[in-house]
Protein backbone atom coordinates (compact mmCIF):
# COMPACT_ATOMS: atom_id res chain seq x y z
CA MET A 1 0.00 0.00 0.00
CA GLY A 2 1.55 3.23 -1.14
CA PHE A 3 1.60 6.65 0.44
CA GLU A 4 -1.00 7.99 -2.00
CA THR A 5 -3.40 5.21 -1.07
CA LEU A 6 -2.98 6.04 2.61
CA VAL A 7 -3.71 9.70 1.89
CA VAL A 8 -6.87 8.80 -0.04
CA TYR A 9 -8.08 6.54 2.78
CA ALA A 10 -7.32 9.22 5.37
CA LEU A 11 -9.25 11.81 3.36
CA TRP A 12 -12.09 9.35 2.92
CA ALA A 13 -12.32 8.68 6.67
CA ILE A 14 -12.21 12.37 7.58
CA LEU A 15 -14.79 13.39 4.98
CA LEU A 16 -17.07 10.49 5.92
CA ALA A 17 -16.92 11.56 9.58
CA VAL A 18 -17.86 15.13 8.58
CA LYS A 19 -20.80 13.87 6.53
CA ILE A 20 -22.03 11.61 9.32
CA PHE A 21 -21.78 14.46 11.83
CA ALA A 22 -23.83 16.72 9.54
CA LEU A 23 -26.48 14.01 9.09
CA VAL A 24 -26.78 13.30 12.83
CA ASP A 25 -26.96 17.01 13.59
CA ALA A 26 -29.68 17.57 10.97
CA ILE A 27 -31.69 14.69 12.39
CA ARG A 28 -31.46 16.08 15.92
CA ARG A 29 -32.63 19.60 15.03
CA PRO A 30 -36.32 20.47 15.48
CA ALA A 31 -38.13 20.71 12.14
CA GLU A 32 -40.04 23.85 13.07
CA TYR A 33 -36.87 25.98 13.15
CA PHE A 34 -35.76 25.31 9.58
CA PRO A 35 -38.31 27.69 8.01
CA PHE A 36 -37.26 30.45 10.43
CA ILE A 37 -33.77 30.53 9.01
CA GLY A 38 -35.06 30.47 5.43
CA ARG A 39 -33.08 27.42 4.35
CA GLN A 40 -35.58 24.86 3.08
CA THR A 41 -36.98 22.09 5.27
CA LYS A 42 -35.54 19.58 7.69
CA LEU A 43 -36.61 16.74 5.39
CA LEU A 44 -34.55 18.17 2.54
CA TRP A 45 -31.43 18.63 4.66
CA VAL A 46 -31.72 15.17 6.20
CA ALA A 47 -32.17 13.69 2.72
CA LEU A 48 -29.24 15.63 1.25
CA THR A 49 -26.85 14.80 4.08
CA GLY A 50 -28.10 11.19 4.09
CA VAL A 51 -27.37 10.81 0.39
CA SER A 52 -23.96 12.39 0.94
CA VAL A 53 -23.21 9.78 3.63
CA LEU A 54 -24.34 6.97 1.33
CA ALA A 55 -22.17 8.31 -1.49
CA GLY A 56 -19.29 8.63 0.95
CA LEU A 57 -19.36 5.01 2.09
CA ALA A 58 -17.21 3.86 -0.83
CA PRO A 59 -13.58 4.97 -0.51
CA SER A 60 -13.24 4.96 -4.30
CA LEU A 61 -15.86 7.72 -4.53
CA ALA A 62 -14.19 10.00 -1.97
CA LEU A 63 -12.50 12.17 -4.58
CA SER A 64 -15.07 11.69 -7.35
CA ILE A 65 -17.70 14.26 -8.26
CA PHE A 66 -20.22 12.47 -5.99
CA GLY A 67 -17.88 12.49 -3.02
CA ILE A 68 -16.99 16.13 -3.52
CA ALA A 69 -20.66 17.12 -3.96
CA GLY A 70 -21.56 15.27 -0.76
CA THR A 71 -18.76 17.02 1.10
CA VAL A 72 -19.95 20.41 -0.16
CA ILE A 73 -23.50 19.64 1.01
CA ALA A 74 -22.27 18.63 4.46
CA LEU A 75 -20.07 21.71 4.75
CA ILE A 76 -22.89 24.03 3.70
CA TYR A 77 -25.05 22.51 6.40
CA LEU A 78 -22.31 22.72 9.05
CA PHE A 79 -21.17 26.26 8.29
CA ASP A 80 -24.46 27.89 7.25
CA ILE A 81 -27.45 26.04 8.69
CA ARG A 82 -26.05 24.73 11.98
CA PRO A 83 -24.76 28.09 13.31
CA LYS A 84 -28.14 29.70 12.60
CA MET A 85 -29.89 26.86 14.42
CA ILE A 86 -27.63 27.34 17.43
CA GLU A 87 -28.33 31.08 17.32
CA ILE A 88 -32.12 30.55 17.26
CA THR A 89 -32.29 27.79 19.86
CA GLY A 90 -29.53 29.09 22.08
CA ARG A 91 -28.10 25.60 22.47
CA ARG A 92 -26.17 23.09 20.46
CA TYR A 93 -28.76 20.28 20.58
CA GLN A 94 -32.47 20.00 21.18
CA ASP A 95 -33.31 18.43 24.54
CA GLY A 96 -35.37 15.28 24.53
CA PRO A 97 -39.10 15.24 25.19
CA GLY A 98 -40.35 16.32 28.56
């Protein structure tokens, strides 16, 4: 296994972790806040980040157009949507019921 292969696998693992984090965060956010920030619906963001995770499961796709598009989707969520959610809710995660 060459150095380049190790770099590709390392990038794959890092990008997959970012995509999974974005998906889990989108799932945990309350749906009623998405319209307040003017960025589509929770269903759309969960679907987009979910598809990006699925596309990111194959290491060979990490640097393909699908892998890059999935990474861009996850980064848009993490750096645009998530900070606005934290600003609106005043906390990082929604508490459970009760």
